[in-house]
Protein backbone atom coordinates (compact mmCIF):
# COMPACT_ATOMS: atom_id res chain seq x y z
CA MET A 1 29.92 69.09 -78.81
CA ASN A 2 31.14 70.45 -75.45
CA TRP A 3 32.82 73.37 -74.68
CA ASP A 4 36.42 71.87 -74.74
CA GLN A 5 36.11 70.82 -78.36
CA ILE A 6 34.76 74.10 -79.45
CA GLU A 7 37.87 75.82 -77.96
CA GLY A 8 39.99 73.39 -79.38
CA ASN A 9 38.43 74.03 -82.77
CA TRP A 10 37.93 77.72 -82.33
CA LYS A 11 39.22 78.78 -85.76
CA GLN A 12 37.16 76.71 -87.60
CA ILE A 13 33.89 77.38 -85.50
CA LYS A 14 34.49 81.06 -85.44
CA GLY A 15 32.83 81.78 -88.66
CA GLU A 16 29.59 79.84 -87.67
CA ALA A 17 29.78 82.14 -84.42
CA GLN A 18 30.01 85.02 -86.85
CA ALA A 19 27.09 83.90 -88.76
CA GLN A 20 24.97 83.18 -85.69
CA TRP A 21 25.59 86.60 -84.30
CA GLY A 22 26.54 89.10 -87.08
CA LYS A 23 27.16 91.81 -84.69
CA LEU A 24 30.36 90.34 -83.50
CA THR A 25 33.38 91.35 -85.15
CA ASN A 26 36.57 89.10 -86.06
CA ASP A 27 38.28 91.06 -83.31
CA ASP A 28 35.38 90.13 -80.77
CA LEU A 29 35.74 86.44 -81.74
CA ASP A 30 39.56 86.75 -81.80
CA VAL A 31 39.42 88.36 -78.17
CA ALA A 32 36.85 85.84 -76.87
CA ALA A 33 39.22 82.84 -78.60
CA GLY A 34 37.16 80.17 -77.53
CA ASN A 35 36.88 81.07 -73.78
CA ARG A 36 33.08 80.71 -73.10
CA GLU A 37 32.87 83.67 -70.52
CA LYS A 38 34.59 86.08 -72.98
CA LEU A 39 32.14 85.06 -75.69
CA VAL A 40 29.34 85.86 -73.01
CA GLY A 41 30.79 89.23 -72.32
CA LYS A 42 31.09 90.00 -75.94
CA LEU A 43 27.51 89.18 -76.74
CA GLN A 44 26.17 91.06 -73.62
CA GLU A 45 28.07 94.32 -74.95
CA ARG A 46 26.91 93.97 -78.51
CA TYR A 47 23.46 92.84 -78.33
CA GLY A 48 22.85 94.17 -74.62
CA TYR A 49 21.81 90.83 -73.32
CA ALA A 50 21.71 89.89 -69.43
CA LYS A 51 24.24 87.66 -68.43
CA GLU A 52 21.55 84.71 -68.23
CA GLU A 53 20.06 85.61 -71.94
CA ALA A 54 23.85 85.41 -73.26
CA GLU A 55 24.68 82.14 -71.52
CA LYS A 56 21.49 80.51 -72.83
CA GLU A 57 22.44 81.95 -76.49
CA VAL A 58 25.87 80.35 -75.96
CA ASP A 59 24.46 76.86 -74.83
CA SER A 60 22.17 76.81 -77.86
CA PHE A 61 25.24 77.44 -79.99
CA ILE A 62 26.98 74.52 -78.43
CA ALA A 63 23.98 72.40 -78.72
CA LYS A 64 23.98 72.70 -82.44
CA HIS A 65 27.68 71.82 -82.74
């Protein structure tokens, strides 16, 4: 699945994202709303990841879907 598909199906995928990243709140995921850069930013904020690490996490998530 590519990011456009994830963005289009965000409401369905949001639960899977929260399962993977338990520190993200519903509000965090609503703010991200399928936007890759916002999701990367939220991962940096909640987990203290460097930008590159957060991007790798998101890429891994995409690869699973």
